[in-house]
Structures are given as C-alpha cells and as structure tokens.
C-alpha cells in the first residue's frame, strides 16, 4: 500500500485525447525547427522563369559569320592608290556634268598605260514590279572598240563543246540550232555563253550578225540594279564617244534612271546630267 504522501506524487494517467494533442504540438514544433534549419525544397520554392532555349549551333555560327562580315564592312576602308588620288584633284564628285564635259574629265582622270575602255554605268530606279530581269543589246554607231572571239553554232562545234571547248566570247546560232544546243546548255549556261534572243545572239542570219557584232553592246542588270555598257576607247575622239552615249541613253528611255556615270578602265567616275 502506498502512503498518502507518495500518492500525491503519482500523477493520474492521462487521457488518450490529451496524449494525441501533445504529440501534435511536438510534431509542429519539430517541423518549424526543420524549416528554419533546412532550405526550402524544390517543391516549396517559387517557380523560376525558365531561360530562353539555346539556339542551335548552326544558327549561332550563322550569326557569328554575319557579325564578322558586318564588322569587316564597317572597319575596313578601301585605300585608293596615289595615281587615283591625283586623278580626282580637279573633279567634284557630287556635281553632274554634260556629256562633253564628262568625257574630257574622264579622259583626264585615266592613268592606265594601255588604251582603256569607257564604260557607261547606269543606276536604275527601284521597280514596284520587283526585281525583273533586264537585259538586251544596243547597236552603237561606232561600236564598243572591244574585239571579241565569235563562233557560229554547228553540229561540229557542239561536239567540241561536249569535250570542253569554250574558248570564245560569243556564240551565235540560228533558231533551228537551238534544239541541238540544248545538249550543251549545262556547259554554256553557267558561263553566260548560251545564245539568247534577248542578247541578239539568235539570228536567222548568224554570219551577217557576226559582221555587225563589233557594233553591238550587250547589257544586263546586276544585283545592285546597275547596267554597264562599253561605249568606246579612251583614245577615241570625243565626238564618237558622245554619239555612242547618246544612242545608249536613247535606247534606255523606257527605264527609270537614278544616275549615270562615265568611267575609264583605270580612273575616276564622272557623273552625267540626265
């Protein structure tokens, strides 16, 4: 039997509800302590914005190449020779001259040791229709002064072309030979030597065309919407060059032009008033 004093010390057994409440409080305290000590888990962390997906290696290479090309264009400046600098001393680049004045100034700027060729450069206006193909030929009264090696299409010549012969500047053909020339179109086409009616190299009488070819000046628009037409030699009389320029500009009246410049093979370009 317990004494009365000892009975006081003995606590009464707790109820089940009291025990469960106490355990819950202890667990909550443990969780609070764990949160203070441990960093937030990946699940409890706030969602972080994902960075943009990395570009593919091919795209990165392309952007690097473009950037390097742009930097080269901006950083590298074209250095002109001393002869060229001397040739433009008396020339105002922004001024437009008459054809006669332009010829004299262009001749004065020519510094080549050989007999240079005068080229008429025409900048065409932008077209609403798009980048249409502009090409053709102009018959100049005094020719271009450029000697060219001409061949007339035949079955024998086609066999030679198949073996790799392309040692000529212009190939003339009759309409009847065009079907046979299709066999070598892959050879002539990339070299720009395939006969074409627009170039005047397809003719009913190729032999006669060959005799007149020295007077024909071909032209074709490049990627920058420019036409380049040979109009004579530096050693020619001014009158001959002027007449060739007049005929060339008249033949192109149907095209809208931004500017025209006359320049020798080696020398300054002189702007012509249109």
Foldseek 3Di string as FASTA:
>chain_A
DDDPVVVVVDDDDDDPVVVVVVVVVVVVVVVVVCPVVDDDDPVPDDDDDDDDDDDDPVVVVVVVVVVVVVCCVVPDDDDDDPLQVVLCPVPDQPDADALLVQLVSQLSFDDDPDWWFKKKKFAFDDDPVHPDKDKAKFQFPVFQPDDWFEEEDDPVVLVVVVVPDDPGDEYAYEPVCLVVCVVNCVVCVVVVHRDDVRHVRYDNDNVVCVVSVRRMWIWIQDPSRMTMTTQYISPDDSVSSSRRVVRVCVVCVVTHTDWMWMHIPDGDIHTHDD
